[in-house]
Amino acid sequence: NNSKDVELKEEDVTNNADDDNDGENDNNTQLPYETILDVCQDIISLDAVMSELNLGPNGGLLYCMEYIEHHLGEILSLLKERLGIPSQGPNNAVHSSSRAYLLFDLPGQIELTAHSNVVSRIAQRLVRELDLRLGLVAIV
């Protein structure tokens, strides 16, 4: 096992919210894990943003995260649909018996948290609307 490999159980669900983690850095055409939602494929492409708006990697990532925040309602609906969660219900919460874990692979650039509250606002809304408990794992 490579030290970067993570073994996921069947009840674990992964979401790629890292716009720069498209698998192409290692000459792969896909991520090294299965996802139910891949921001790069389903929502917004960092490469397209950088090209169309003439932004560098950090500016492009910040733009992408702000775009995700602005469209979070639609993204939450898509996430709920793929998880099989009814869109209506008490607090639209994910009950603990539904899934063991939701794993969010986020960009590691410090600019997203040091100079902006966008990641914090997205996390707060996820907690509120999906009744999640969040933990953080930083892999260097």
N, C-alpha and C. Protein backbone atom coordinates (compact mmCIF):
# COMPACT_ATOMS: atom_id res chain seq x y z
N ASN A 1 0.83 -1.20 0.00
CA ASN A 1 0.00 0.00 0.00
C ASN A 1 0.86 1.26 0.00
N ASN A 2 0.57 2.17 -0.86
CA ASN A 2 1.21 3.48 -0.89
C ASN A 2 0.73 4.26 0.32
N SER A 3 1.56 5.11 0.92
CA SER A 3 1.16 5.86 2.11
C SER A 3 0.01 6.82 1.83
N LYS A 4 -0.24 7.14 0.55
CA LYS A 4 -1.35 8.03 0.21
C LYS A 4 -2.66 7.27 0.05
N ASP A 5 -2.60 5.93 -0.05
CA ASP A 5 -3.80 5.14 -0.26
C ASP A 5 -4.65 5.13 1.00
N VAL A 6 -5.95 5.22 0.82
CA VAL A 6 -6.89 5.16 1.93
C VAL A 6 -7.88 4.05 1.60
N GLU A 7 -8.04 3.13 2.52
CA GLU A 7 -9.00 2.05 2.29
C GLU A 7 -10.35 2.50 2.81
N LEU A 8 -11.34 2.51 1.92
CA LEU A 8 -12.68 2.93 2.28
C LEU A 8 -13.59 1.74 2.38
N LYS A 9 -14.45 1.75 3.38
CA LYS A 9 -15.45 0.71 3.51
C LYS A 9 -16.61 1.02 2.59
N GLU A 10 -17.46 0.03 2.35
CA GLU A 10 -18.58 0.20 1.43
C GLU A 10 -19.49 1.34 1.83
N GLU A 11 -19.66 1.58 3.14
CA GLU A 11 -20.59 2.62 3.57
C GLU A 11 -19.97 4.02 3.57
N ASP A 12 -18.67 4.12 3.26
CA ASP A 12 -18.02 5.42 3.19
C ASP A 12 -18.29 6.05 1.83
N VAL A 13 -18.43 7.37 1.82
CA VAL A 13 -18.71 8.10 0.59
C VAL A 13 -17.69 9.20 0.46
N THR A 14 -17.12 9.37 -0.73
CA THR A 14 -16.08 10.37 -0.95
C THR A 14 -16.57 11.43 -1.93
N ASN A 15 -16.25 12.68 -1.62
CA ASN A 15 -16.56 13.81 -2.49
C ASN A 15 -15.25 14.52 -2.79
N ASN A 16 -14.94 14.72 -4.06
CA ASN A 16 -13.76 15.47 -4.42
C ASN A 16 -14.15 16.94 -4.61
N ALA A 17 -13.71 17.77 -3.68
CA ALA A 17 -13.97 19.21 -3.79
C ALA A 17 -12.67 19.96 -4.08
N ASP A 18 -11.64 19.22 -4.43
CA ASP A 18 -10.35 19.81 -4.75
C ASP A 18 -10.28 19.98 -6.26
N ASP A 19 -10.47 21.21 -6.73
CA ASP A 19 -10.51 21.50 -8.16
C ASP A 19 -9.22 21.12 -8.87
N ASP A 20 -8.12 21.03 -8.14
CA ASP A 20 -6.85 20.72 -8.77
C ASP A 20 -6.52 19.23 -8.66
N ASN A 21 -7.38 18.45 -8.03
CA ASN A 21 -7.14 17.02 -7.85
C ASN A 21 -7.97 16.26 -8.87
N ASP A 22 -7.50 16.28 -10.11
CA ASP A 22 -8.24 15.62 -11.18
C ASP A 22 -7.55 14.36 -11.65
N GLY A 23 -6.50 13.94 -10.94
CA GLY A 23 -5.80 12.72 -11.30
C GLY A 23 -4.75 12.91 -12.37
N GLU A 24 -4.75 14.04 -13.03
CA GLU A 24 -3.83 14.25 -14.15
C GLU A 24 -2.41 14.58 -13.70
N ASN A 25 -2.23 14.92 -12.42
CA ASN A 25 -0.89 15.23 -11.93
C ASN A 25 0.04 14.03 -12.02
N ASP A 26 -0.51 12.82 -11.91
CA ASP A 26 0.27 11.59 -11.97
C ASP A 26 0.06 10.85 -13.29
N ASN A 27 -0.33 11.57 -14.31
CA ASN A 27 -0.63 11.00 -15.62
C ASN A 27 -1.77 10.00 -15.58
N ASN A 28 -2.63 10.10 -14.60
CA ASN A 28 -3.83 9.28 -14.53
C ASN A 28 -4.98 10.06 -15.16
N THR A 29 -5.99 9.36 -15.61
CA THR A 29 -7.13 10.06 -16.19
C THR A 29 -8.27 10.15 -15.19
N GLN A 30 -8.11 9.55 -14.02
CA GLN A 30 -9.16 9.64 -13.01
C GLN A 30 -8.56 9.64 -11.61
N LEU A 31 -9.39 9.96 -10.64
CA LEU A 31 -8.95 9.99 -9.26
C LEU A 31 -8.61 8.58 -8.78
N PRO A 32 -7.75 8.47 -7.77
CA PRO A 32 -7.38 7.14 -7.27
C PRO A 32 -8.45 6.53 -6.35
N TYR A 33 -9.61 7.12 -6.30
CA TYR A 33 -10.71 6.60 -5.49
C TYR A 33 -12.02 6.94 -6.18
N GLU A 34 -13.08 6.19 -5.86
CA GLU A 34 -14.39 6.47 -6.43
C GLU A 34 -15.05 7.61 -5.66
N THR A 35 -15.83 8.41 -6.37
CA THR A 35 -16.55 9.51 -5.72
C THR A 35 -18.02 9.46 -6.11
N ILE A 36 -18.84 10.09 -5.28
CA ILE A 36 -20.23 10.28 -5.68
C ILE A 36 -20.42 11.67 -6.26
N LEU A 37 -19.45 12.55 -6.01
CA LEU A 37 -19.50 13.91 -6.55
C LEU A 37 -18.07 14.37 -6.75
N ASP A 38 -17.74 14.71 -7.98
CA ASP A 38 -16.41 15.20 -8.32
C ASP A 38 -16.58 16.61 -8.89
N VAL A 39 -16.15 17.59 -8.13
CA VAL A 39 -16.31 18.99 -8.52
C VAL A 39 -15.75 19.24 -9.91
N CYS A 40 -14.60 18.66 -10.21
CA CYS A 40 -13.96 18.89 -11.52
C CYS A 40 -14.82 18.40 -12.67
N GLN A 41 -15.53 17.32 -12.47
CA GLN A 41 -16.35 16.74 -13.52
C GLN A 41 -17.79 17.26 -13.48
N ASP A 42 -18.33 17.49 -12.29
CA ASP A 42 -19.75 17.78 -12.13
C ASP A 42 -20.09 19.26 -11.97
N ILE A 43 -19.14 20.07 -11.53
CA ILE A 43 -19.48 21.46 -11.16
C ILE A 43 -18.65 22.49 -11.93
N ILE A 44 -17.35 22.51 -11.70
CA ILE A 44 -16.50 23.56 -12.27
C ILE A 44 -15.08 23.04 -12.44
N SER A 45 -14.42 23.47 -13.50
CA SER A 45 -13.06 23.02 -13.80
C SER A 45 -12.06 24.13 -13.54
N LEU A 46 -11.07 23.84 -12.71
CA LEU A 46 -10.02 24.80 -12.42
C LEU A 46 -9.28 25.21 -13.69
N ASP A 47 -8.97 24.23 -14.53
CA ASP A 47 -8.25 24.54 -15.78
C ASP A 47 -9.04 25.52 -16.64
N ALA A 48 -10.35 25.29 -16.77
CA ALA A 48 -11.19 26.19 -17.58
C ALA A 48 -11.25 27.58 -16.96
N VAL A 49 -11.38 27.66 -15.64
CA VAL A 49 -11.43 28.96 -14.96
C VAL A 49 -10.13 29.71 -15.18
N MET A 50 -8.99 29.04 -14.99
CA MET A 50 -7.70 29.70 -15.17
C MET A 50 -7.53 30.20 -16.60
N SER A 51 -7.95 29.39 -17.56
CA SER A 51 -7.81 29.76 -18.95
C SER A 51 -8.75 30.90 -19.35
N GLU A 52 -10.02 30.77 -19.00
CA GLU A 52 -11.02 31.76 -19.42
C GLU A 52 -10.89 33.09 -18.69
N LEU A 53 -10.49 33.05 -17.42
CA LEU A 53 -10.41 34.29 -16.64
C LEU A 53 -8.98 34.78 -16.46
N ASN A 54 -8.01 34.08 -17.08
CA ASN A 54 -6.61 34.45 -16.99
C ASN A 54 -6.14 34.57 -15.54
N LEU A 55 -6.46 33.54 -14.74
CA LEU A 55 -6.07 33.51 -13.34
C LEU A 55 -4.98 32.47 -13.12
N GLY A 56 -4.17 32.70 -12.10
CA GLY A 56 -3.18 31.70 -11.70
C GLY A 56 -3.86 30.62 -10.86
N PRO A 57 -3.09 29.65 -10.40
CA PRO A 57 -3.67 28.53 -9.65
C PRO A 57 -4.39 28.95 -8.36
N ASN A 58 -3.79 29.83 -7.58
CA ASN A 58 -4.43 30.24 -6.32
C ASN A 58 -5.67 31.08 -6.56
N GLY A 59 -5.59 32.03 -7.49
CA GLY A 59 -6.77 32.83 -7.83
C GLY A 59 -7.87 31.97 -8.43
N GLY A 60 -7.46 31.00 -9.26
CA GLY A 60 -8.43 30.09 -9.85
C GLY A 60 -9.13 29.23 -8.80
N LEU A 61 -8.36 28.73 -7.84
CA LEU A 61 -8.95 27.92 -6.76
C LEU A 61 -9.92 28.75 -5.92
N LEU A 62 -9.53 29.97 -5.59
CA LEU A 62 -10.42 30.83 -4.82
C LEU A 62 -11.71 31.11 -5.59
N TYR A 63 -11.59 31.39 -6.88
CA TYR A 63 -12.77 31.61 -7.72
C TYR A 63 -13.66 30.36 -7.69
N CYS A 64 -13.06 29.19 -7.87
CA CYS A 64 -13.83 27.93 -7.88
C CYS A 64 -14.56 27.71 -6.55
N MET A 65 -13.87 27.94 -5.44
CA MET A 65 -14.51 27.74 -4.14
C MET A 65 -15.65 28.74 -3.92
N GLU A 66 -15.47 29.98 -4.37
CA GLU A 66 -16.55 30.97 -4.26
C GLU A 66 -17.71 30.59 -5.18
N TYR A 67 -17.42 30.02 -6.33
CA TYR A 67 -18.46 29.53 -7.24
C TYR A 67 -19.24 28.39 -6.58
N ILE A 68 -18.51 27.48 -5.95
CA ILE A 68 -19.15 26.36 -5.23
C ILE A 68 -20.05 26.90 -4.14
N GLU A 69 -19.55 27.87 -3.37
CA GLU A 69 -20.37 28.44 -2.30
C GLU A 69 -21.63 29.08 -2.87
N HIS A 70 -21.49 29.82 -3.96
CA HIS A 70 -22.64 30.50 -4.56
C HIS A 70 -23.68 29.51 -5.07
N HIS A 71 -23.26 28.35 -5.51
CA HIS A 71 -24.15 27.32 -6.07
C HIS A 71 -24.35 26.14 -5.11
N LEU A 72 -24.09 26.35 -3.82
CA LEU A 72 -24.13 25.25 -2.86
C LEU A 72 -25.51 24.61 -2.74
N GLY A 73 -26.56 25.38 -2.90
CA GLY A 73 -27.91 24.81 -2.84
C GLY A 73 -28.11 23.74 -3.90
N GLU A 74 -27.68 24.05 -5.12
CA GLU A 74 -27.78 23.07 -6.21
C GLU A 74 -26.87 21.87 -5.96
N ILE A 75 -25.68 22.13 -5.43
CA ILE A 75 -24.72 21.05 -5.16
C ILE A 75 -25.26 20.15 -4.05
N LEU A 76 -25.85 20.75 -3.01
CA LEU A 76 -26.44 19.95 -1.93
C LEU A 76 -27.57 19.08 -2.45
N SER A 77 -28.39 19.62 -3.35
CA SER A 77 -29.47 18.83 -3.95
C SER A 77 -28.90 17.64 -4.72
N LEU A 78 -27.85 17.88 -5.49
CA LEU A 78 -27.20 16.81 -6.24
C LEU A 78 -26.60 15.77 -5.31
N LEU A 79 -25.95 16.22 -4.25
CA LEU A 79 -25.35 15.33 -3.27
C LEU A 79 -26.42 14.48 -2.58
N LYS A 80 -27.52 15.11 -2.17
CA LYS A 80 -28.61 14.37 -1.54
C LYS A 80 -29.20 13.33 -2.48
N GLU A 81 -29.37 13.72 -3.74
CA GLU A 81 -29.91 12.79 -4.74
C GLU A 81 -29.01 11.57 -4.88
N ARG A 82 -27.70 11.81 -4.97
CA ARG A 82 -26.76 10.70 -5.16
C ARG A 82 -26.61 9.84 -3.90
N LEU A 83 -26.88 10.44 -2.74
CA LEU A 83 -26.84 9.68 -1.49
C LEU A 83 -28.16 8.98 -1.20
N GLY A 84 -29.18 9.33 -1.97
CA GLY A 84 -30.50 8.74 -1.73
C GLY A 84 -31.22 9.35 -0.55
N ILE A 85 -30.93 10.63 -0.28
CA ILE A 85 -31.56 11.34 0.83
C ILE A 85 -32.74 12.13 0.30
N PRO A 86 -33.93 11.95 0.89
CA PRO A 86 -35.08 12.76 0.44
C PRO A 86 -34.78 14.24 0.59
N SER A 87 -35.19 15.03 -0.40
CA SER A 87 -34.92 16.46 -0.33
C SER A 87 -35.79 17.16 0.70
N GLN A 88 -36.87 16.55 1.08
CA GLN A 88 -37.73 17.10 2.13
C GLN A 88 -37.65 16.21 3.35
N GLY A 89 -37.82 16.79 4.50
CA GLY A 89 -37.78 16.02 5.73
C GLY A 89 -37.35 16.90 6.87
N PRO A 90 -37.36 16.36 8.07
CA PRO A 90 -36.98 17.18 9.22
C PRO A 90 -35.54 17.66 9.10
N ASN A 91 -35.40 18.95 8.96
CA ASN A 91 -34.08 19.61 8.86
C ASN A 91 -33.25 19.11 7.68
N ASN A 92 -33.83 18.33 6.77
CA ASN A 92 -33.08 17.76 5.65
C ASN A 92 -31.81 17.08 6.12
N ALA A 93 -31.86 16.45 7.28
CA ALA A 93 -30.67 15.90 7.91
C ALA A 93 -30.36 14.50 7.40
N VAL A 94 -29.07 14.18 7.39
CA VAL A 94 -28.62 12.82 7.13
C VAL A 94 -28.63 12.13 8.48
N HIS A 95 -29.43 11.10 8.61
CA HIS A 95 -29.48 10.39 9.89
C HIS A 95 -28.26 9.49 9.99
N SER A 96 -27.75 9.33 11.20
CA SER A 96 -26.51 8.61 11.39
C SER A 96 -26.55 7.19 10.84
N SER A 97 -27.74 6.61 10.72
CA SER A 97 -27.83 5.26 10.18
C SER A 97 -27.70 5.24 8.66
N SER A 98 -27.79 6.41 8.00
CA SER A 98 -27.73 6.47 6.55
C SER A 98 -26.34 6.17 6.02
N ARG A 99 -25.34 6.81 6.54
CA ARG A 99 -23.96 6.67 6.07
C ARG A 99 -23.02 6.77 7.25
N ALA A 100 -21.93 6.04 7.16
CA ALA A 100 -20.94 6.11 8.22
C ALA A 100 -20.13 7.40 8.13
N TYR A 101 -19.62 7.71 6.93
CA TYR A 101 -18.76 8.87 6.75
C TYR A 101 -18.98 9.50 5.38
N LEU A 102 -18.85 10.80 5.33
CA LEU A 102 -18.71 11.54 4.07
C LEU A 102 -17.31 12.12 4.11
N LEU A 103 -16.49 11.81 3.14
CA LEU A 103 -15.13 12.32 3.08
C LEU A 103 -15.04 13.39 2.01
N PHE A 104 -14.58 14.57 2.38
CA PHE A 104 -14.42 15.68 1.44
C PHE A 104 -12.93 15.92 1.23
N ASP A 105 -12.47 15.75 0.02
CA ASP A 105 -11.08 16.00 -0.33
C ASP A 105 -10.99 17.46 -0.79
N LEU A 106 -10.43 18.31 0.06
CA LEU A 106 -10.37 19.75 -0.22
C LEU A 106 -8.96 20.17 -0.63
N PRO A 107 -8.85 21.28 -1.36
CA PRO A 107 -7.53 21.80 -1.72
C PRO A 107 -6.75 22.18 -0.47
N GLY A 108 -5.44 22.01 -0.52
CA GLY A 108 -4.60 22.31 0.64
C GLY A 108 -4.02 23.72 0.64
N GLN A 109 -4.28 24.51 -0.38
CA GLN A 109 -3.69 25.85 -0.45
C GLN A 109 -4.15 26.70 0.73
N ILE A 110 -3.19 27.25 1.43
CA ILE A 110 -3.45 28.05 2.62
C ILE A 110 -4.26 29.31 2.29
N GLU A 111 -4.16 29.78 1.05
CA GLU A 111 -4.90 30.99 0.65
C GLU A 111 -6.41 30.83 0.82
N LEU A 112 -6.89 29.61 0.72
CA LEU A 112 -8.33 29.37 0.83
C LEU A 112 -8.86 29.52 2.25
N THR A 113 -7.97 29.41 3.24
CA THR A 113 -8.42 29.56 4.62
C THR A 113 -7.80 30.77 5.32
N ALA A 114 -6.61 31.17 4.90
CA ALA A 114 -5.93 32.30 5.56
C ALA A 114 -6.50 33.64 5.13
N HIS A 115 -6.91 33.76 3.86
CA HIS A 115 -7.35 35.04 3.32
C HIS A 115 -8.82 35.07 2.95
N SER A 116 -9.52 33.99 3.24
CA SER A 116 -10.92 33.89 2.84
C SER A 116 -11.66 32.98 3.82
N ASN A 117 -12.93 33.25 4.01
CA ASN A 117 -13.76 32.41 4.88
C ASN A 117 -14.65 31.47 4.07
N VAL A 118 -14.39 31.33 2.77
CA VAL A 118 -15.27 30.56 1.91
C VAL A 118 -15.36 29.09 2.34
N VAL A 119 -14.25 28.46 2.69
CA VAL A 119 -14.27 27.05 3.11
C VAL A 119 -15.06 26.90 4.41
N SER A 120 -14.86 27.83 5.33
CA SER A 120 -15.59 27.80 6.60
C SER A 120 -17.09 27.96 6.37
N ARG A 121 -17.48 28.87 5.49
CA ARG A 121 -18.91 29.07 5.21
C ARG A 121 -19.53 27.84 4.55
N ILE A 122 -18.79 27.21 3.63
CA ILE A 122 -19.29 25.98 3.00
C ILE A 122 -19.45 24.89 4.07
N ALA A 123 -18.45 24.73 4.93
CA ALA A 123 -18.52 23.71 5.98
C ALA A 123 -19.69 23.97 6.92
N GLN A 124 -19.91 25.22 7.31
CA GLN A 124 -21.03 25.55 8.20
C GLN A 124 -22.36 25.20 7.57
N ARG A 125 -22.49 25.45 6.29
CA ARG A 125 -23.75 25.13 5.61
C ARG A 125 -23.94 23.61 5.49
N LEU A 126 -22.87 22.87 5.22
CA LEU A 126 -22.95 21.41 5.18
C LEU A 126 -23.41 20.86 6.52
N VAL A 127 -22.83 21.39 7.60
CA VAL A 127 -23.22 20.95 8.94
C VAL A 127 -24.69 21.25 9.18
N ARG A 128 -25.12 22.44 8.84
CA ARG A 128 -26.50 22.87 9.09
C ARG A 128 -27.50 22.08 8.25
N GLU A 129 -27.22 21.92 6.97
CA GLU A 129 -28.22 21.32 6.08
C GLU A 129 -28.17 19.80 6.01
N LEU A 130 -27.01 19.21 6.31
CA LEU A 130 -26.91 17.75 6.27
C LEU A 130 -26.71 17.15 7.66
N ASP A 131 -26.73 18.00 8.69
CA ASP A 131 -26.56 17.54 10.07
C ASP A 131 -25.29 16.71 10.23
N LEU A 132 -24.19 17.24 9.70
CA LEU A 132 -22.91 16.53 9.74
C LEU A 132 -22.13 16.88 10.99
N ARG A 133 -21.22 16.01 11.35
CA ARG A 133 -20.20 16.28 12.35
C ARG A 133 -18.90 16.27 11.58
N LEU A 134 -18.12 17.34 11.66
CA LEU A 134 -16.92 17.46 10.85
C LEU A 134 -15.67 17.18 11.65
N GLY A 135 -14.72 16.57 10.98
CA GLY A 135 -13.37 16.36 11.50
C GLY A 135 -12.40 16.71 10.39
N LEU A 136 -11.15 16.95 10.72
CA LEU A 136 -10.16 17.35 9.74
C LEU A 136 -8.96 16.42 9.78
N VAL A 137 -8.52 16.00 8.62
CA VAL A 137 -7.28 15.25 8.50
C VAL A 137 -6.43 16.00 7.50
N ALA A 138 -5.27 16.46 7.92
CA ALA A 138 -4.35 17.15 7.01
C ALA A 138 -3.21 16.20 6.68
N ILE A 139 -3.05 15.91 5.39
CA ILE A 139 -2.00 15.02 4.95
C ILE A 139 -0.97 15.85 4.20
N VAL A 140 0.25 15.79 4.66
CA VAL A 140 1.32 16.59 4.08
C VAL A 140 2.20 15.70 3.22
